Amino acid sequence: MRFVHTADWHLGRLFHSVHLTDDQRYVLDQFVDLVADVRPAAVLVAGDVYDRGVPPPEAVELLNDVLERIVRGLGVPVVMIAGNHDSPTRLGFGSRLLSAEGLHIAGCLPPNGALAVPLADDDGPLLVQAVPYADPIVVRDVLAELDVPIQTHEQAMRALTARARAATPPGTRTLLVGHAFVAGAEVSDSERPITVGGAGTVPVSVFAGFDYVALGHLHRPQAAGAERVRYAGSLLTYSFNEVAQRKSVSIVEIGAPGSGGTEATGDAAGEAAAGGEAAAEGGEAAAGEAGGKPPASPAAARVTVELVELRPRRRVRIVEGTLHDILERAPAEEARDDYVCARLLDKGALLNAMGQLQQAYPNCLHLEFPRLELTDGRSSALVDRVTRSEGEHFARFFHEVTDDQLSADESAAFGAVLERLERRWRES
């Protein structure tokens, strides 16, 4: 069975004050053409569909157009979940009605922890389990009948994946769509932290037992600790520190049950170190318990993944040199309308550098001055302040005012307040 796995569209995104809707429409046209060529059993969109909780009208119109062309025009089902950028309620509006058309949306966390979408082919049944992003407090409320501690993102995801495994009939291939930060995966600065002021990572072992895990959140296409646990990456380059990344979508093919041997999802050594999940009565698993190896996939199907690159309307790139050298080279360049960051090596003062550069590169959006970096590679105090998280800012402020360090409980309390503010922001 074949799937197209994508994520992190961030429709309505601003890139250094430039609206990217036309760029997103350009690449999504190619995406629809790819779906038409591949004819998958379903398209999987693993969260962060919009860039913010209240998206601009043109972003909503773009999503509506793309989904209509795929679901109604091509007859291909779509399974979509909310990410930490999305408003779960807004994204999930009308989802029960739309599911009859083949558009399956998990906005808010379903009562049983996952939206189950059954599929089948000549090799038998396959169950897609769609788990939207949810704070631990939401998971704790939805799964209140479980007598397990759910305080952290790891405990929340363990409880959700255990519930999804328990709901999978024996011998059925299973695919999980989720939005999470897997420990050890490579991040970039265009991603909003999954939590503010607290640890939001989960180990790859929480995804044991699934034939494939289609993740969203991190913007670099990559395997996350196991080949069967993968990020599709963002639709476009959303940061100048992503210029070396090759953006793509993933074509995933899942073979017949048993065609992959007895391979477990996740790296065996890493899983053994992280600990498994202890099964409770009735097939429920206790969240966060250590000891034991995670279970193998019940179907152990063969999985292959092919990355397909999409061509952006404009590239995002960095030009480096003195202002004079960059301006001299510009006329010989073909793609002068790319989104450009100029890294200026000049040591003296510059007059209207951005204005001069935009004459040569109309979409020069940002300037960097490496001379602001110290000789040992550390950023200057100004740059360092800009890159600190809210939690780090508060911890330093607390230390300066009280001459004491923030305790673990105080840090957790501050993080909880910021997470509540983050939830309100997504719904505002």
Protein backbone atom coordinates (compact mmCIF):
# COMPACT_ATOMS: atom_id res chain seq x y z
CA MET A 1 0.00 0.00 0.00
CA ARG A 2 1.35 3.39 -0.98
CA PHE A 3 1.09 6.70 0.88
CA VAL A 4 2.30 10.26 0.37
CA HIS A 5 3.61 11.66 3.65
CA THR A 6 3.94 15.43 4.05
CA ALA A 7 3.83 17.92 6.92
CA ASP A 8 4.56 21.44 8.09
CA TRP A 9 2.94 23.39 5.28
CA HIS A 10 2.66 26.48 7.51
CA LEU A 11 0.13 28.10 5.21
CA GLY A 12 -0.02 31.85 5.80
CA ARG A 13 3.64 32.03 6.78
CA LEU A 14 5.55 35.30 6.75
CA PHE A 15 9.23 35.06 5.88
CA HIS A 16 10.99 38.22 7.01
CA SER A 17 7.71 40.12 6.45
CA VAL A 18 7.13 38.56 3.00
CA HIS A 19 3.83 36.69 2.54
CA LEU A 20 4.61 33.22 1.16
CA THR A 21 1.12 32.25 -0.01
CA ASP A 22 2.03 32.49 -3.71
CA ASP A 23 5.18 30.42 -3.08
CA GLN A 24 3.13 27.82 -1.22
CA ARG A 25 0.52 27.71 -3.98
CA TYR A 26 3.29 27.20 -6.55
CA VAL A 27 4.72 24.18 -4.76
CA LEU A 28 1.33 22.73 -3.77
CA ASP A 29 0.34 22.68 -7.45
CA GLN A 30 3.28 20.34 -7.96
CA PHE A 31 2.20 18.35 -4.91
CA VAL A 32 -1.26 17.76 -6.38
CA ASP A 33 0.35 16.65 -9.66
CA LEU A 34 2.53 14.21 -7.70
CA VAL A 35 -0.50 12.75 -5.95
CA ALA A 36 -2.17 12.35 -9.35
CA ASP A 37 0.87 10.42 -10.62
CA VAL A 38 1.40 8.25 -7.52
CA ARG A 39 -2.27 7.49 -6.81
CA PRO A 40 -1.64 6.60 -3.16
CA ALA A 41 -4.08 4.91 -0.82
CA ALA A 42 -4.04 8.15 1.19
CA VAL A 43 -2.20 11.43 1.67
CA LEU A 44 -0.88 11.93 5.22
CA VAL A 45 -0.50 15.53 6.45
CA ALA A 46 1.26 15.39 9.83
CA GLY A 47 0.36 18.74 11.35
CA ASP A 48 1.26 22.44 11.26
CA VAL A 49 -1.06 22.86 8.31
CA TYR A 50 -1.34 26.57 9.11
CA ASP A 51 1.36 28.79 10.55
CA ARG A 52 -0.85 30.21 13.30
CA GLY A 53 -4.12 29.51 15.06
CA VAL A 54 -6.04 32.17 13.14
CA PRO A 55 -4.74 31.91 9.55
CA PRO A 56 -5.28 34.65 6.96
CA PRO A 57 -8.20 34.13 4.52
CA GLU A 58 -5.92 33.46 1.54
CA ALA A 59 -4.29 30.57 3.46
CA VAL A 60 -7.70 29.04 4.20
CA GLU A 61 -8.71 29.41 0.54
CA LEU A 62 -5.47 27.75 -0.59
CA LEU A 63 -5.99 24.77 1.73
CA ASN A 64 -9.60 24.42 0.60
CA ASP A 65 -8.53 24.40 -3.06
CA VAL A 66 -5.75 21.84 -2.56
CA LEU A 67 -7.89 19.45 -0.51
CA GLU A 68 -10.80 19.67 -2.96
CA ARG A 69 -8.49 18.84 -5.88
CA ILE A 70 -7.04 15.83 -4.07
CA VAL A 71 -10.09 14.39 -2.31
CA ARG A 72 -12.87 15.19 -4.75
CA GLY A 73 -10.92 15.69 -7.99
CA LEU A 74 -8.56 12.71 -7.67
CA GLY A 75 -10.59 10.58 -5.28
CA VAL A 76 -7.61 10.17 -2.92
CA PRO A 77 -8.37 10.20 0.84
CA VAL A 78 -6.47 12.65 3.07
CA VAL A 79 -5.63 12.04 6.73
CA MET A 80 -4.69 15.34 8.40
CA ILE A 81 -3.84 16.19 12.01
CA ALA A 82 -3.36 19.43 13.93
CA GLY A 83 0.16 20.43 14.93
CA ASN A 84 1.33 22.80 17.63
CA HIS A 85 0.89 25.79 15.26
CA ASP A 86 -2.72 24.92 14.44
CA SER A 87 -5.93 25.71 16.28
CA PRO A 88 -7.31 22.20 16.86
CA THR A 89 -10.93 23.38 16.97
CA ARG A 90 -10.72 25.48 13.81
CA LEU A 91 -8.81 22.86 11.81
CA GLY A 92 -11.23 20.13 12.89
CA PHE A 93 -14.43 22.03 12.12
CA GLY A 94 -16.86 19.82 10.19
CA SER A 95 -14.52 16.83 10.38
CA ARG A 96 -17.28 14.27 11.01
CA LEU A 97 -19.13 15.46 7.92
CA LEU A 98 -15.98 15.65 5.79
CA SER A 99 -14.89 12.12 6.66
CA ALA A 100 -17.72 10.79 4.50
CA GLU A 101 -16.03 12.55 1.54
CA GLY A 102 -12.63 11.01 2.32
CA LEU A 103 -11.13 13.94 4.27
CA HIS A 104 -10.23 12.66 7.74
CA ILE A 105 -9.16 15.45 10.11
CA ALA A 106 -7.97 14.96 13.70
CA GLY A 107 -8.03 18.48 15.13
CA CYS A 108 -8.85 18.06 18.80
CA LEU A 109 -7.70 14.84 20.45
CA PRO A 110 -10.38 12.16 19.81
CA PRO A 111 -12.07 10.56 22.86
CA ASN A 112 -10.15 7.31 22.35
CA GLY A 113 -6.82 9.10 21.73
CA ALA A 114 -6.58 8.58 17.96
CA LEU A 115 -8.65 8.93 14.81
CA ALA A 116 -8.70 5.45 13.23
CA VAL A 117 -8.98 5.25 9.45
CA PRO A 118 -9.25 1.66 8.13
CA LEU A 119 -7.86 0.88 4.68
CA ALA A 120 -7.30 -2.34 2.74
CA ASP A 121 -5.59 -3.68 -0.37
CA ASP A 122 -4.81 -7.09 -1.83
CA ASP A 123 -2.40 -7.74 1.07
CA GLY A 124 -5.09 -7.22 3.70
CA PRO A 125 -6.18 -4.50 6.13
CA LEU A 126 -4.14 -1.52 7.30
CA LEU A 127 -5.19 0.83 10.09
CA VAL A 128 -4.08 4.49 10.05
CA GLN A 129 -4.05 5.92 13.58
CA ALA A 130 -4.01 9.75 13.52
CA VAL A 131 -2.88 11.41 16.78
CA PRO A 132 -2.97 15.23 16.74
CA TYR A 133 -0.61 17.33 18.82
CA ALA A 134 -1.96 17.71 22.37
CA ASP A 135 -0.50 19.04 25.60
CA PRO A 136 -0.08 16.47 28.40
CA ILE A 137 -2.90 18.13 30.37
CA VAL A 138 -5.28 17.51 27.43
CA VAL A 139 -4.15 13.87 27.08
CA ARG A 140 -4.57 13.39 30.83
CA ASP A 141 -8.14 14.67 30.60
CA VAL A 142 -9.09 12.59 27.53
CA LEU A 143 -7.53 9.39 28.92
CA ALA A 144 -8.68 10.03 32.49
CA GLU A 145 -9.78 6.41 32.97
CA LEU A 146 -6.17 5.21 32.68
CA ASP A 147 -4.52 4.90 36.06
CA VAL A 148 -1.14 6.13 34.80
CA PRO A 149 0.84 9.34 35.37
CA ILE A 150 0.63 11.78 32.45
CA GLN A 151 2.71 14.84 33.29
CA THR A 152 5.21 15.02 30.42
CA HIS A 153 5.07 14.78 26.64
CA GLU A 154 6.80 11.40 26.81
CA GLN A 155 4.21 10.00 29.21
CA ALA A 156 1.41 11.47 27.10
CA MET A 157 2.73 9.94 23.87
CA ARG A 158 3.36 6.57 25.54
CA ALA A 159 -0.25 6.48 26.71
CA LEU A 160 -1.58 7.48 23.29
CA THR A 161 0.52 5.00 21.33
CA ALA A 162 -0.29 2.22 23.80
CA ARG A 163 -3.98 2.92 23.29
CA ALA A 164 -3.52 2.92 19.50
CA ARG A 165 -1.67 -0.42 19.61
CA ALA A 166 -4.36 -1.95 21.79
CA ALA A 167 -7.02 -0.88 19.27
CA THR A 168 -5.25 -2.58 16.34
CA PRO A 169 -6.62 -6.03 15.47
CA PRO A 170 -3.99 -8.80 15.44
CA GLY A 171 -2.21 -9.21 12.11
CA THR A 172 -3.28 -5.77 10.88
CA ARG A 173 -0.64 -3.47 9.48
CA THR A 174 -0.65 -0.18 11.33
CA LEU A 175 0.54 3.34 10.53
CA LEU A 176 0.68 6.21 13.02
CA VAL A 177 0.43 9.89 12.03
CA GLY A 178 1.74 12.15 14.78
CA HIS A 179 3.26 15.52 15.64
CA ALA A 180 6.11 15.35 18.14
CA PHE A 181 9.76 16.15 18.81
CA VAL A 182 11.74 12.90 18.87
CA ALA A 183 14.88 13.14 20.99
CA GLY A 184 18.08 13.31 18.95
CA ALA A 185 16.47 14.53 15.73
CA GLU A 186 17.95 17.57 13.98
CA VAL A 187 16.15 20.87 14.53
CA SER A 188 16.22 24.28 12.83
CA ASP A 189 15.36 27.78 14.05
CA SER A 190 12.13 28.05 12.03
CA GLU A 191 10.38 25.58 14.36
CA ARG A 192 8.44 26.85 17.35
CA PRO A 193 9.38 24.78 20.43
CA ILE A 194 6.88 22.03 21.16
CA THR A 195 6.82 23.35 24.74
CA VAL A 196 7.92 26.62 26.26
CA GLY A 197 10.08 26.35 29.34
CA GLY A 198 9.93 22.55 29.60
CA ALA A 199 11.17 19.33 28.02
CA GLY A 200 8.98 18.37 25.10
CA THR A 201 10.98 15.53 23.54
CA VAL A 202 9.88 11.92 23.32
CA PRO A 203 12.13 8.87 22.78
CA VAL A 204 11.75 6.86 19.59
CA SER A 205 10.81 3.82 21.72
CA VAL A 206 7.30 5.24 22.26
CA PHE A 207 6.57 4.43 18.60
CA ALA A 208 7.45 0.73 18.86
CA GLY A 209 5.01 -1.63 17.22
CA PHE A 210 3.95 0.47 14.21
CA ASP A 211 4.91 -0.43 10.66
CA TYR A 212 5.45 3.24 9.84
CA VAL A 213 5.27 6.48 11.83
CA ALA A 214 4.58 9.62 9.77
CA LEU A 215 5.73 12.60 11.82
CA GLY A 216 5.47 16.35 11.59
CA HIS A 217 7.09 19.22 13.54
CA LEU A 218 10.76 19.18 12.52
CA HIS A 219 11.50 20.84 9.19
CA ARG A 220 14.37 18.69 7.95
CA PRO A 221 13.37 15.44 6.16
CA GLN A 222 14.94 12.72 8.28
CA ALA A 223 14.60 9.41 10.04
CA ALA A 224 14.12 9.92 13.76
CA GLY A 225 16.10 7.21 15.50
CA ALA A 226 14.61 4.47 13.33
CA GLU A 227 14.07 4.14 9.60
CA ARG A 228 10.36 3.51 10.09
CA VAL A 229 9.92 6.68 12.15
CA ARG A 230 10.33 9.66 9.82
CA TYR A 231 9.78 13.37 9.42
CA ALA A 232 8.63 14.48 5.98
CA GLY A 233 10.03 17.97 6.63
CA SER A 234 8.52 21.33 5.79
CA LEU A 235 6.94 22.20 2.46
CA LEU A 236 9.40 25.06 1.83
CA THR A 237 12.58 26.50 3.30
CA TYR A 238 11.41 28.70 6.16
CA SER A 239 14.75 29.83 7.58
CA PHE A 240 18.15 30.84 6.26
CA ASN A 241 19.73 28.12 8.39
CA GLU A 242 17.81 25.56 6.30
CA VAL A 243 19.40 26.52 2.98
CA ALA A 244 21.39 23.28 2.82
CA GLN A 245 18.29 21.14 3.37
CA ARG A 246 16.60 19.52 0.37
CA LYS A 247 12.89 19.87 0.93
CA SER A 248 10.76 16.96 -0.20
CA VAL A 249 7.71 14.82 0.38
CA SER A 250 7.90 11.11 1.16
CA ILE A 251 6.36 8.31 -0.86
CA VAL A 252 5.94 5.41 1.55
CA GLU A 253 5.17 1.86 0.44
CA ILE A 254 4.09 -0.74 3.00
CA GLY A 255 4.25 -4.36 1.90
CA ALA A 256 2.33 -7.44 2.92
CA PRO A 257 2.18 -8.56 6.57
CA GLY A 258 5.31 -10.50 7.43
CA SER A 259 7.29 -9.20 4.44
CA GLY A 260 9.61 -7.22 6.73
CA GLY A 261 10.60 -10.06 9.04
CA THR A 262 10.41 -9.51 12.80
CA GLU A 263 11.93 -6.03 12.82
CA ALA A 264 10.74 -3.79 15.63
CA THR A 265 10.11 -0.12 15.13
CA GLY A 266 13.03 1.83 16.58
CA ASP A 267 16.70 1.26 17.19
CA ALA A 268 17.07 -1.82 19.37
CA ALA A 269 19.93 -0.48 21.49
CA GLY A 270 18.24 2.85 21.99
CA GLU A 271 14.97 1.19 22.90
CA ALA A 272 16.59 -1.10 25.41
CA ALA A 273 18.22 1.89 27.06
CA ALA A 274 15.03 3.94 27.05
CA GLY A 275 12.93 1.14 28.45
CA GLY A 276 9.69 -0.33 27.24
CA GLU A 277 6.08 -0.08 28.24
CA ALA A 278 4.50 -2.41 30.74
CA ALA A 279 1.16 -3.76 29.62
CA ALA A 280 -1.70 -3.23 32.02
CA GLU A 281 -4.93 -5.21 32.28
CA GLY A 282 -7.12 -5.12 29.17
CA GLY A 283 -4.27 -4.32 26.78
CA GLU A 284 -3.61 -0.83 28.20
CA ALA A 285 0.06 0.15 28.71
CA ALA A 286 1.42 2.04 31.69
CA ALA A 287 2.98 5.30 30.58
CA GLY A 288 6.54 6.06 31.48
CA GLU A 289 7.50 2.71 33.06
CA ALA A 290 11.00 1.42 32.41
CA GLY A 291 12.29 -2.04 31.72
CA GLY A 292 11.68 -4.49 28.95
CA LYS A 293 12.11 -4.27 25.21
CA PRO A 294 9.41 -2.51 23.17
CA PRO A 295 7.13 -4.85 21.25
CA ALA A 296 7.74 -5.68 17.64
CA SER A 297 5.32 -4.64 14.94
CA PRO A 298 2.38 -7.06 14.93
CA ALA A 299 2.46 -7.22 11.13
CA ALA A 300 6.17 -6.48 10.48
CA ALA A 301 5.59 -5.37 6.92
CA ARG A 302 8.37 -4.28 4.58
CA VAL A 303 8.57 -0.49 4.28
CA THR A 304 10.33 1.57 1.61
CA VAL A 305 10.54 5.36 1.51
CA GLU A 306 11.30 7.53 -1.51
CA LEU A 307 11.94 11.27 -1.15
CA VAL A 308 10.61 13.46 -3.97
CA GLU A 309 11.79 17.06 -4.16
CA LEU A 310 9.44 19.87 -5.13
CA ARG A 311 10.70 22.92 -7.02
CA PRO A 312 10.25 26.20 -5.14
CA ARG A 313 9.12 29.40 -6.84
CA ARG A 314 12.20 31.12 -5.41
CA ARG A 315 15.19 29.59 -3.68
CA VAL A 316 16.34 30.68 -0.25
CA ARG A 317 20.09 31.25 -0.19
CA ILE A 318 23.00 33.11 1.36
CA VAL A 319 25.49 35.33 -0.47
CA GLU A 320 28.72 36.17 1.32
CA GLY A 321 31.50 38.71 0.86
CA THR A 322 32.10 42.40 1.25
CA LEU A 323 29.30 44.68 0.11
CA HIS A 324 31.39 45.76 -2.90
CA ASP A 325 32.15 42.17 -3.93
CA ILE A 326 28.52 41.04 -3.63
CA LEU A 327 27.28 43.96 -5.71
CA GLU A 328 29.92 43.30 -8.37
CA ARG A 329 28.96 39.61 -8.67
CA ALA A 330 25.21 40.21 -8.79
CA PRO A 331 24.81 41.11 -12.51
CA ALA A 332 26.25 37.73 -13.54
CA GLU A 333 23.71 35.78 -11.46
CA GLU A 334 20.62 34.36 -13.14
CA ALA A 335 18.29 34.02 -10.13
CA ARG A 336 18.53 37.47 -8.63
CA ASP A 337 14.94 37.34 -7.35
CA ASP A 338 15.72 34.52 -4.88
CA TYR A 339 15.14 35.16 -1.19
CA VAL A 340 18.60 36.25 -0.12
CA CYS A 341 20.49 36.72 3.13
CA ALA A 342 23.66 38.77 2.65
CA ARG A 343 26.50 37.84 4.99
CA LEU A 344 28.69 40.94 4.94
CA LEU A 345 32.38 40.59 5.75
CA ASP A 346 33.10 44.33 5.82
CA LYS A 347 34.93 45.58 8.92
CA GLY A 348 34.01 49.24 8.67
CA ALA A 349 30.70 51.07 8.83
CA LEU A 350 28.33 50.71 5.88
CA LEU A 351 25.86 53.28 4.58
CA ASN A 352 22.44 51.94 3.53
CA ALA A 353 23.74 48.41 2.88
CA MET A 354 20.23 46.92 2.60
CA GLY A 355 19.11 49.59 0.12
CA GLN A 356 22.11 48.95 -2.11
CA LEU A 357 21.68 45.19 -1.94
CA GLN A 358 18.00 45.35 -2.83
CA GLN A 359 18.92 47.16 -6.02
CA ALA A 360 20.88 44.03 -7.00
CA TYR A 361 18.69 41.43 -5.22
CA PRO A 362 15.07 42.68 -4.99
CA ASN A 363 14.30 40.01 -2.39
CA CYS A 364 17.29 40.54 -0.14
CA LEU A 365 15.56 40.07 3.21
CA HIS A 366 18.23 39.86 5.86
CA LEU A 367 21.79 40.97 6.69
CA GLU A 368 24.33 39.15 8.81
CA PHE A 369 27.57 40.56 10.14
CA PRO A 370 29.97 37.78 11.18
CA ARG A 371 32.18 40.39 12.85
CA LEU A 372 29.62 40.41 15.69
CA GLU A 373 30.77 36.92 16.60
CA LEU A 374 33.60 36.52 19.10
CA THR A 375 36.84 34.83 18.10
CA ASP A 376 35.97 31.63 19.98
CA GLY A 377 32.79 31.21 17.91
CA ARG A 378 30.38 32.33 20.61
CA SER A 379 27.78 34.92 19.70
CA SER A 380 28.04 38.42 21.06
CA ALA A 381 25.87 39.30 24.05
CA LEU A 382 23.31 40.97 21.78
CA VAL A 383 22.96 37.95 19.49
CA ASP A 384 22.89 35.62 22.49
CA ARG A 385 19.98 37.51 24.04
CA VAL A 386 17.98 37.24 20.85
CA THR A 387 18.39 33.46 20.62
CA ARG A 388 17.52 32.61 24.25
CA SER A 389 14.23 30.91 24.99
CA GLU A 390 11.62 32.50 27.25
CA GLY A 391 12.58 30.04 29.99
CA GLU A 392 16.25 31.00 29.77
CA HIS A 393 15.40 34.71 29.89
CA PHE A 394 13.28 34.21 33.01
CA ALA A 395 15.92 32.03 34.72
CA ARG A 396 18.58 34.71 34.17
CA PHE A 397 16.21 37.45 35.34
CA PHE A 398 15.37 35.41 38.45
CA HIS A 399 19.06 34.93 39.22
CA GLU A 400 19.86 38.61 38.79
CA VAL A 401 17.00 39.69 41.06
CA THR A 402 17.29 37.05 43.80
CA ASP A 403 20.94 35.97 43.46
CA ASP A 404 19.64 32.41 43.49
CA GLN A 405 19.02 29.72 40.89
CA LEU A 406 15.55 28.78 39.71
CA SER A 407 14.55 25.45 41.28
CA ALA A 408 13.17 22.59 39.22
CA ASP A 409 9.67 23.11 40.66
CA GLU A 410 9.78 26.86 39.98
CA SER A 411 10.98 26.23 36.43
CA ALA A 412 8.19 23.71 35.88
CA ALA A 413 5.59 26.16 37.25
CA PHE A 414 6.85 28.90 34.93
CA GLY A 415 6.79 26.47 32.00
CA ALA A 416 3.20 25.47 32.82
CA VAL A 417 2.10 29.13 32.76
CA LEU A 418 3.77 29.66 29.37
CA GLU A 419 2.17 26.51 27.97
CA ARG A 420 -1.27 27.79 29.00
CA LEU A 421 -0.50 31.09 27.27
CA GLU A 422 0.63 29.14 24.18
CA ARG A 423 -2.68 27.22 24.11
CA ARG A 424 -4.64 30.48 24.40
CA TRP A 425 -2.54 31.95 21.58
CA ARG A 426 -3.37 29.03 19.29
CA GLU A 427 -7.08 29.50 19.93
CA SER A 428 -7.05 33.33 19.77
